[in-house]
Amino acid sequence: MIELDSVSKVYRSGPADVRALDAVDLSIDEGEFVAIMGASGSGKTTMMNILGCLDAPSSGVYRLDGTDVGTLGENQLARIRNTRIGFVFQSFNLVARTDALANVELPLVYSGGSARRSRARAALERVSLGGRMHHMPNALSGGEQQRVAIARALVTDPRMILADEPTGNLDSYATTEVMDLFCELNHEGHTVVLITHERGVAALARRVVVLEDGRIVSDTPMGGALVG
């Protein structure tokens, strides 16, 4: 499903170049649950931005389902982001002045999906928030806000979920709830790629990839979530 072939990303910082990713090779099969770990500045977020078609490599090739993403136009990339990839972020990124239901419905407005309200309701029920759908974000706990964000990621029925430090703002109880949900989604067939600095969180994945200075230094199978 995902293939990075000698992918590098270089940023200009003053007179010097900063190599955020350095000739990375990585393959992720459909249905996998992969955690990507590394210290601050290791290249984790850069890799996620590339995987999510939010940024392009400076060199190398990113293939998604066999297609070279670098050959696609912005409209095609936007459609991939809106329909094939669900994004979950550490800071939830909910719209403060709209309730949970409207927040979950938002991607369907952009993608032109039909039956928006019923699909958003079903997504909230999937994350056990059917009774909280008319609450505003500030009336929800951190764990509930993140589950709303996961429902929003699911509402377009994406094949892949990209999560950037999704438990970073949560207490241990909410972290367990959210990670149980990711494991369930993986069991149902979703490909899950999760960025984290927490070893306990990463251990729940089926595979852990560790980045250091823009390079993969280890790629280890784990005993976490299973598909099928």
C-alpha atoms as a PDB file:
ATOM      1  CA  MET A   1       0.000   0.000   0.000  1.00  0.00           C
ATOM      2  CA  ILE A   2       2.781   2.428   1.010  1.00  0.00           C
ATOM      3  CA  GLU A   3       6.254   2.428  -0.495  1.00  0.00           C
ATOM      4  CA  LEU A   4       8.978   4.972   0.142  1.00  0.00           C
ATOM      5  CA  ASP A   5      11.928   4.511  -2.203  1.00  0.00           C
ATOM      6  CA  SER A   6      15.051   6.451  -1.131  1.00  0.00           C
ATOM      7  CA  VAL A   7      12.904   9.377   0.050  1.00  0.00           C
ATOM      8  CA  SER A   8      14.698  12.469   1.343  1.00  0.00           C
ATOM      9  CA  LYS A   9      13.357  15.803   2.539  1.00  0.00           C
ATOM     10  CA  VAL A  10      15.632  18.822   2.784  1.00  0.00           C
ATOM     11  CA  TYR A  11      14.654  22.187   4.261  1.00  0.00           C
ATOM     12  CA  ARG A  12      16.563  25.430   3.891  1.00  0.00           C
ATOM     13  CA  SER A  13      17.435  26.933   7.290  1.00  0.00           C
ATOM     14  CA  GLY A  14      19.402  30.140   6.853  1.00  0.00           C
ATOM     15  CA  PRO A  15      22.631  29.390   4.966  1.00  0.00           C
ATOM     16  CA  ALA A  16      22.446  25.653   5.699  1.00  0.00           C
ATOM     17  CA  ASP A  17      20.284  22.758   4.536  1.00  0.00           C
ATOM     18  CA  VAL A  18      18.510  20.586   7.109  1.00  0.00           C
ATOM     19  CA  ARG A  19      17.963  16.988   6.000  1.00  0.00           C
ATOM     20  CA  ALA A  20      14.769  15.929   7.797  1.00  0.00           C
ATOM     21  CA  LEU A  21      14.623  12.572   5.977  1.00  0.00           C
ATOM     22  CA  ASP A  22      17.687  10.916   4.493  1.00  0.00           C
ATOM     23  CA  ALA A  23      17.174   8.295   1.758  1.00  0.00           C
ATOM     24  CA  VAL A  24      14.426   6.417   3.630  1.00  0.00           C
ATOM     25  CA  ASP A  25      13.137   3.095   2.313  1.00  0.00           C
ATOM     26  CA  LEU A  26       9.896   1.863   3.858  1.00  0.00           C
ATOM     27  CA  SER A  27       7.033  -0.437   2.830  1.00  0.00           C
ATOM     28  CA  ILE A  28       3.728  -0.770   4.690  1.00  0.00           C
ATOM     29  CA  ASP A  29       1.204  -3.363   3.572  1.00  0.00           C
ATOM     30  CA  GLU A  30      -2.540  -2.833   3.621  1.00  0.00           C
ATOM     31  CA  GLY A  31      -3.986  -3.777   7.013  1.00  0.00           C
ATOM     32  CA  GLU A  32      -0.812  -3.180   9.005  1.00  0.00           C
ATOM     33  CA  PHE A  33      -0.610  -1.220  12.256  1.00  0.00           C
ATOM     34  CA  VAL A  34       2.737   0.580  12.331  1.00  0.00           C
ATOM     35  CA  ALA A  35       4.070   2.908  15.017  1.00  0.00           C
ATOM     36  CA  ILE A  36       6.805   5.366  14.045  1.00  0.00           C
ATOM     37  CA  MET A  37       8.989   6.516  16.932  1.00  0.00           C
ATOM     38  CA  GLY A  38      11.919   8.861  17.384  1.00  0.00           C
ATOM     39  CA  ALA A  39      13.200  11.821  19.358  1.00  0.00           C
ATOM     40  CA  SER A  40      12.209  15.391  18.528  1.00  0.00           C
ATOM     41  CA  GLY A  41      13.773  16.302  15.199  1.00  0.00           C
ATOM     42  CA  SER A  42      14.171  12.691  14.085  1.00  0.00           C
ATOM     43  CA  GLY A  43      11.905  13.157  11.047  1.00  0.00           C
ATOM     44  CA  LYS A  44       8.664  11.591  12.348  1.00  0.00           C
ATOM     45  CA  THR A  45       6.346  14.464  11.477  1.00  0.00           C
ATOM     46  CA  THR A  46       8.055  15.040   8.129  1.00  0.00           C
ATOM     47  CA  MET A  47       7.449  11.393   7.263  1.00  0.00           C
ATOM     48  CA  MET A  48       3.797  11.634   8.264  1.00  0.00           C
ATOM     49  CA  ASN A  49       3.323  14.770   6.149  1.00  0.00           C
ATOM     50  CA  ILE A  50       4.731  12.944   3.148  1.00  0.00           C
ATOM     51  CA  LEU A  51       2.656   9.811   3.773  1.00  0.00           C
ATOM     52  CA  GLY A  52      -0.446  11.993   4.090  1.00  0.00           C
ATOM     53  CA  CYS A  53       0.267  13.839   0.819  1.00  0.00           C
ATOM     54  CA  LEU A  54       0.621  17.084   2.789  1.00  0.00           C
ATOM     55  CA  ASP A  55       4.210  17.556   1.637  1.00  0.00           C
ATOM     56  CA  ALA A  56       6.393  16.228  -1.173  1.00  0.00           C
ATOM     57  CA  PRO A  57       9.838  14.598  -0.971  1.00  0.00           C
ATOM     58  CA  SER A  58      12.856  16.580  -2.121  1.00  0.00           C
ATOM     59  CA  SER A  59      14.051  13.390  -3.816  1.00  0.00           C
ATOM     60  CA  GLY A  60      13.020   9.766  -4.057  1.00  0.00           C
ATOM     61  CA  VAL A  61       9.602   8.290  -4.799  1.00  0.00           C
ATOM     62  CA  TYR A  62       6.484   7.802  -2.672  1.00  0.00           C
ATOM     63  CA  ARG A  63       4.071   5.271  -4.121  1.00  0.00           C
ATOM     64  CA  LEU A  64       0.573   4.898  -2.712  1.00  0.00           C
ATOM     65  CA  ASP A  65      -1.257   1.828  -4.020  1.00  0.00           C
ATOM     66  CA  GLY A  66       1.357   1.628  -6.774  1.00  0.00           C
ATOM     67  CA  THR A  67       0.890   5.231  -7.940  1.00  0.00           C
ATOM     68  CA  ASP A  68       3.817   7.643  -7.846  1.00  0.00           C
ATOM     69  CA  VAL A  69       2.328  10.448  -5.739  1.00  0.00           C
ATOM     70  CA  GLY A  70       4.801  12.913  -7.270  1.00  0.00           C
ATOM     71  CA  THR A  71       3.021  12.617 -10.634  1.00  0.00           C
ATOM     72  CA  LEU A  72      -0.343  13.751  -9.242  1.00  0.00           C
ATOM     73  CA  GLY A  73      -1.789  17.247  -9.446  1.00  0.00           C
ATOM     74  CA  GLU A  74      -3.076  19.203  -6.458  1.00  0.00           C
ATOM     75  CA  ASN A  75      -6.711  18.311  -7.108  1.00  0.00           C
ATOM     76  CA  GLN A  76      -5.834  14.614  -7.210  1.00  0.00           C
ATOM     77  CA  LEU A  77      -3.804  14.943  -3.996  1.00  0.00           C
ATOM     78  CA  ALA A  78      -6.669  16.772  -2.304  1.00  0.00           C
ATOM     79  CA  ARG A  79      -9.049  13.982  -3.265  1.00  0.00           C
ATOM     80  CA  ILE A  80      -6.681  11.382  -1.788  1.00  0.00           C
ATOM     81  CA  ARG A  81      -6.473  13.378   1.454  1.00  0.00           C
ATOM     82  CA  ASN A  82     -10.251  13.788   1.611  1.00  0.00           C
ATOM     83  CA  THR A  83     -11.323  10.259   0.771  1.00  0.00           C
ATOM     84  CA  ARG A  84      -8.518   7.718   1.237  1.00  0.00           C
ATOM     85  CA  ILE A  85      -6.679   8.991   4.313  1.00  0.00           C
ATOM     86  CA  GLY A  86      -8.098   9.838   7.739  1.00  0.00           C
ATOM     87  CA  PHE A  87      -6.010  12.225   9.855  1.00  0.00           C
ATOM     88  CA  VAL A  88      -5.883  12.355  13.662  1.00  0.00           C
ATOM     89  CA  PHE A  89      -3.759  14.988  15.432  1.00  0.00           C
ATOM     90  CA  GLN A  90      -2.483  15.531  18.957  1.00  0.00           C
ATOM     91  CA  SER A  91      -4.386  18.804  19.378  1.00  0.00           C
ATOM     92  CA  PHE A  92      -7.712  17.327  18.096  1.00  0.00           C
ATOM     93  CA  ASN A  93      -8.210  20.250  15.623  1.00  0.00           C
ATOM     94  CA  LEU A  94     -11.944  20.487  16.301  1.00  0.00           C
ATOM     95  CA  VAL A  95     -13.926  23.567  15.328  1.00  0.00           C
ATOM     96  CA  ALA A  96     -14.732  25.189  18.677  1.00  0.00           C
ATOM     97  CA  ARG A  97     -18.075  26.769  17.728  1.00  0.00           C
ATOM     98  CA  THR A  98     -19.699  23.672  16.260  1.00  0.00           C
ATOM     99  CA  ASP A  99     -20.911  20.548  18.023  1.00  0.00           C
ATOM    100  CA  ALA A 100     -19.399  17.090  17.718  1.00  0.00           C
ATOM    101  CA  LEU A 101     -21.800  16.056  14.951  1.00  0.00           C
ATOM    102  CA  ALA A 102     -20.985  19.066  12.774  1.00  0.00           C
ATOM    103  CA  ASN A 103     -17.252  18.535  13.346  1.00  0.00           C
ATOM    104  CA  VAL A 104     -17.493  14.945  12.144  1.00  0.00           C
ATOM    105  CA  GLU A 105     -19.624  15.952   9.170  1.00  0.00           C
ATOM    106  CA  LEU A 106     -17.069  18.512   7.959  1.00  0.00           C
ATOM    107  CA  PRO A 107     -14.927  16.210   5.721  1.00  0.00           C
ATOM    108  CA  LEU A 108     -18.057  15.148   3.850  1.00  0.00           C
ATOM    109  CA  VAL A 109     -18.774  18.788   3.015  1.00  0.00           C
ATOM    110  CA  TYR A 110     -15.346  19.058   1.380  1.00  0.00           C
ATOM    111  CA  SER A 111     -15.521  15.691  -0.369  1.00  0.00           C
ATOM    112  CA  GLY A 112     -19.108  16.069  -1.548  1.00  0.00           C
ATOM    113  CA  GLY A 113     -20.234  12.946   0.267  1.00  0.00           C
ATOM    114  CA  SER A 114     -23.959  12.181   0.424  1.00  0.00           C
ATOM    115  CA  ALA A 115     -26.126  11.500   3.498  1.00  0.00           C
ATOM    116  CA  ARG A 116     -23.703  13.567   5.541  1.00  0.00           C
ATOM    117  CA  ARG A 117     -25.686  13.780   8.757  1.00  0.00           C
ATOM    118  CA  SER A 118     -26.469  10.063   8.989  1.00  0.00           C
ATOM    119  CA  ARG A 119     -22.872   9.101   8.205  1.00  0.00           C
ATOM    120  CA  ALA A 120     -21.572  11.486  10.852  1.00  0.00           C
ATOM    121  CA  ARG A 121     -24.001  10.028  13.408  1.00  0.00           C
ATOM    122  CA  ALA A 122     -22.848   6.502  12.568  1.00  0.00           C
ATOM    123  CA  ALA A 123     -19.182   7.508  12.950  1.00  0.00           C
ATOM    124  CA  LEU A 124     -19.845   8.998  16.393  1.00  0.00           C
ATOM    125  CA  GLU A 125     -21.735   5.897  17.439  1.00  0.00           C
ATOM    126  CA  ARG A 126     -18.760   3.826  16.239  1.00  0.00           C
ATOM    127  CA  VAL A 127     -16.527   5.620  18.763  1.00  0.00           C
ATOM    128  CA  SER A 128     -19.165   5.300  21.534  1.00  0.00           C
ATOM    129  CA  LEU A 129     -20.189   8.968  21.495  1.00  0.00           C
ATOM    130  CA  GLY A 130     -23.731   8.643  20.194  1.00  0.00           C
ATOM    131  CA  GLY A 131     -25.025  10.345  23.327  1.00  0.00           C
ATOM    132  CA  ARG A 132     -22.600  13.278  23.062  1.00  0.00           C
ATOM    133  CA  MET A 133     -23.024  14.300  19.444  1.00  0.00           C
ATOM    134  CA  HIS A 134     -24.630  17.677  20.216  1.00  0.00           C
ATOM    135  CA  HIS A 135     -22.024  18.689  22.791  1.00  0.00           C
ATOM    136  CA  MET A 136     -19.569  21.457  21.954  1.00  0.00           C
ATOM    137  CA  PRO A 137     -15.869  20.552  22.132  1.00  0.00           C
ATOM    138  CA  ASN A 138     -15.339  22.543  25.363  1.00  0.00           C
ATOM    139  CA  ALA A 139     -18.008  20.381  27.034  1.00  0.00           C
ATOM    140  CA  LEU A 140     -16.125  17.183  26.208  1.00  0.00           C
ATOM    141  CA  SER A 141     -13.153  15.631  27.980  1.00  0.00           C
ATOM    142  CA  GLY A 142      -9.821  15.354  26.185  1.00  0.00           C
ATOM    143  CA  GLY A 143     -10.430  11.677  25.479  1.00  0.00           C
ATOM    144  CA  GLU A 144     -13.893  12.409  24.105  1.00  0.00           C
ATOM    145  CA  GLN A 145     -12.530  15.191  21.889  1.00  0.00           C
ATOM    146  CA  GLN A 146      -9.959  12.793  20.470  1.00  0.00           C
ATOM    147  CA  ARG A 147     -12.654  10.207  19.806  1.00  0.00           C
ATOM    148  CA  VAL A 148     -14.626  12.891  17.947  1.00  0.00           C
ATOM    149  CA  ALA A 149     -11.480  13.520  15.911  1.00  0.00           C
ATOM    150  CA  ILE A 150     -11.207   9.791  15.185  1.00  0.00           C
ATOM    151  CA  ALA A 151     -14.874   9.723  14.112  1.00  0.00           C
ATOM    152  CA  ARG A 152     -14.136  12.644  11.788  1.00  0.00           C
ATOM    153  CA  ALA A 153     -11.222  10.664  10.331  1.00  0.00           C
ATOM    154  CA  LEU A 154     -13.483   7.631   9.809  1.00  0.00           C
ATOM    155  CA  VAL A 155     -16.499   9.351   8.288  1.00  0.00           C
ATOM    156  CA  THR A 156     -15.174   9.195   4.708  1.00  0.00           C
ATOM    157  CA  ASP A 157     -14.417   5.463   5.138  1.00  0.00           C
ATOM    158  CA  PRO A 158     -10.676   5.838   4.450  1.00  0.00           C
ATOM    159  CA  ARG A 159      -8.419   2.844   3.932  1.00  0.00           C
ATOM    160  CA  MET A 160      -5.608   4.398   5.948  1.00  0.00           C
ATOM    161  CA  ILE A 161      -5.543   6.334   9.225  1.00  0.00           C
ATOM    162  CA  LEU A 162      -2.551   8.566   9.995  1.00  0.00           C
ATOM    163  CA  ALA A 163      -2.320   9.616  13.637  1.00  0.00           C
ATOM    164  CA  ASP A 164       0.268  12.158  14.822  1.00  0.00           C
ATOM    165  CA  GLU A 165       0.871  11.816  18.597  1.00  0.00           C
ATOM    166  CA  PRO A 166      -2.864  11.082  19.168  1.00  0.00           C
ATOM    167  CA  THR A 167      -2.365  10.369  22.889  1.00  0.00           C
ATOM    168  CA  GLY A 168       0.061  13.217  23.568  1.00  0.00           C
ATOM    169  CA  ASN A 169      -2.550  15.394  25.341  1.00  0.00           C
ATOM    170  CA  LEU A 170      -4.389  12.571  27.116  1.00  0.00           C
ATOM    171  CA  ASP A 171      -4.233  11.032  30.579  1.00  0.00           C
ATOM    172  CA  SER A 172      -3.553   7.318  30.985  1.00  0.00           C
ATOM    173  CA  TYR A 173      -7.240   6.328  31.066  1.00  0.00           C
ATOM    174  CA  ALA A 174      -8.095   8.249  27.893  1.00  0.00           C
ATOM    175  CA  THR A 175      -4.922   6.926  26.244  1.00  0.00           C
ATOM    176  CA  THR A 176      -6.096   3.366  26.874  1.00  0.00           C
ATOM    177  CA  GLU A 177      -9.535   4.134  25.412  1.00  0.00           C
ATOM    178  CA  VAL A 178      -8.093   5.739  22.292  1.00  0.00           C
ATOM    179  CA  MET A 179      -5.523   3.001  21.711  1.00  0.00           C
ATOM    180  CA  ASP A 180      -8.169   0.295  22.192  1.00  0.00           C
ATOM    181  CA  LEU A 181     -10.132   2.046  19.452  1.00  0.00           C
ATOM    182  CA  PHE A 182      -7.153   2.142  17.071  1.00  0.00           C
ATOM    183  CA  CYS A 183      -6.566  -1.572  17.701  1.00  0.00           C
ATOM    184  CA  GLU A 184     -10.230  -2.306  16.942  1.00  0.00           C
ATOM    185  CA  LEU A 185     -10.081  -0.279  13.725  1.00  0.00           C
ATOM    186  CA  ASN A 186      -6.974  -2.146  12.644  1.00  0.00           C
ATOM    187  CA  HIS A 187      -8.710  -5.439  13.444  1.00  0.00           C
ATOM    188  CA  GLU A 188     -11.540  -4.313  11.145  1.00  0.00           C
ATOM    189  CA  GLY A 189      -9.058  -3.843   8.299  1.00  0.00           C
ATOM    190  CA  HIS A 190      -7.934  -0.224   8.471  1.00  0.00           C
ATOM    191  CA  THR A 191      -4.251   0.447   7.892  1.00  0.00           C
ATOM    192  CA  VAL A 192      -3.034   2.490  10.865  1.00  0.00           C
ATOM    193  CA  VAL A 193       0.200   4.513  10.924  1.00  0.00           C
ATOM    194  CA  LEU A 194       0.778   6.176  14.277  1.00  0.00           C
ATOM    195  CA  ILE A 195       3.478   8.675  15.253  1.00  0.00           C
ATOM    196  CA  THR A 196       4.360   8.519  18.944  1.00  0.00           C
ATOM    197  CA  HIS A 197       7.162   9.060  21.436  1.00  0.00           C
ATOM    198  CA  GLU A 198       5.504   6.776  24.022  1.00  0.00           C
ATOM    199  CA  ARG A 199       6.927   3.256  24.144  1.00  0.00           C
ATOM    200  CA  GLY A 200       3.818   1.838  25.799  1.00  0.00           C
ATOM    201  CA  VAL A 201       1.668   3.202  22.989  1.00  0.00           C
ATOM    202  CA  ALA A 202       4.032   1.964  20.273  1.00  0.00           C
ATOM    203  CA  ALA A 203       4.059  -1.517  21.806  1.00  0.00           C
ATOM    204  CA  LEU A 204       0.373  -1.917  20.889  1.00  0.00           C
ATOM    205  CA  ALA A 205       1.204  -1.731  17.179  1.00  0.00           C
ATOM    206  CA  ARG A 206       2.148  -4.744  15.101  1.00  0.00           C
ATOM    207  CA  ARG A 207       5.405  -3.118  14.029  1.00  0.00           C
ATOM    208  CA  VAL A 208       7.599  -0.312  15.354  1.00  0.00           C
ATOM    209  CA  VAL A 209       9.833   1.788  13.098  1.00  0.00           C
ATOM    210  CA  VAL A 210      12.397   3.992  14.855  1.00  0.00           C
ATOM    211  CA  LEU A 211      13.823   7.121  13.202  1.00  0.00           C
ATOM    212  CA  GLU A 212      17.046   8.853  14.155  1.00  0.00           C
ATOM    213  CA  ASP A 213      18.421  11.891  12.318  1.00  0.00           C
ATOM    214  CA  GLY A 214      16.117  11.243   9.390  1.00  0.00           C
ATOM    215  CA  ARG A 215      17.045   7.589   8.947  1.00  0.00           C
ATOM    216  CA  ILE A 216      15.370   4.341   9.960  1.00  0.00           C
ATOM    217  CA  VAL A 217      17.550   2.704  12.601  1.00  0.00           C
ATOM    218  CA  SER A 218      15.236  -0.187  13.477  1.00  0.00           C
ATOM    219  CA  ASP A 219      12.089  -1.858  12.135  1.00  0.00           C
ATOM    220  CA  THR A 220      10.743  -4.397  14.624  1.00  0.00           C
ATOM    221  CA  PRO A 221       7.690  -6.693  14.534  1.00  0.00           C
ATOM    222  CA  MET A 222       5.609  -6.481  17.718  1.00  0.00           C
ATOM    223  CA  GLY A 223       2.852  -8.518  19.319  1.00  0.00           C
ATOM    224  CA  GLY A 224       0.226  -5.792  19.201  1.00  0.00           C
ATOM    225  CA  ALA A 225      -3.007  -5.524  17.242  1.00  0.00           C
ATOM    226  CA  LEU A 226      -3.833  -8.286  14.807  1.00  0.00           C
ATOM    227  CA  VAL A 227      -5.877  -8.154  11.650  1.00  0.00           C
ATOM    228  CA  GLY A 228      -8.533 -10.735  10.855  1.00  0.00           C
END
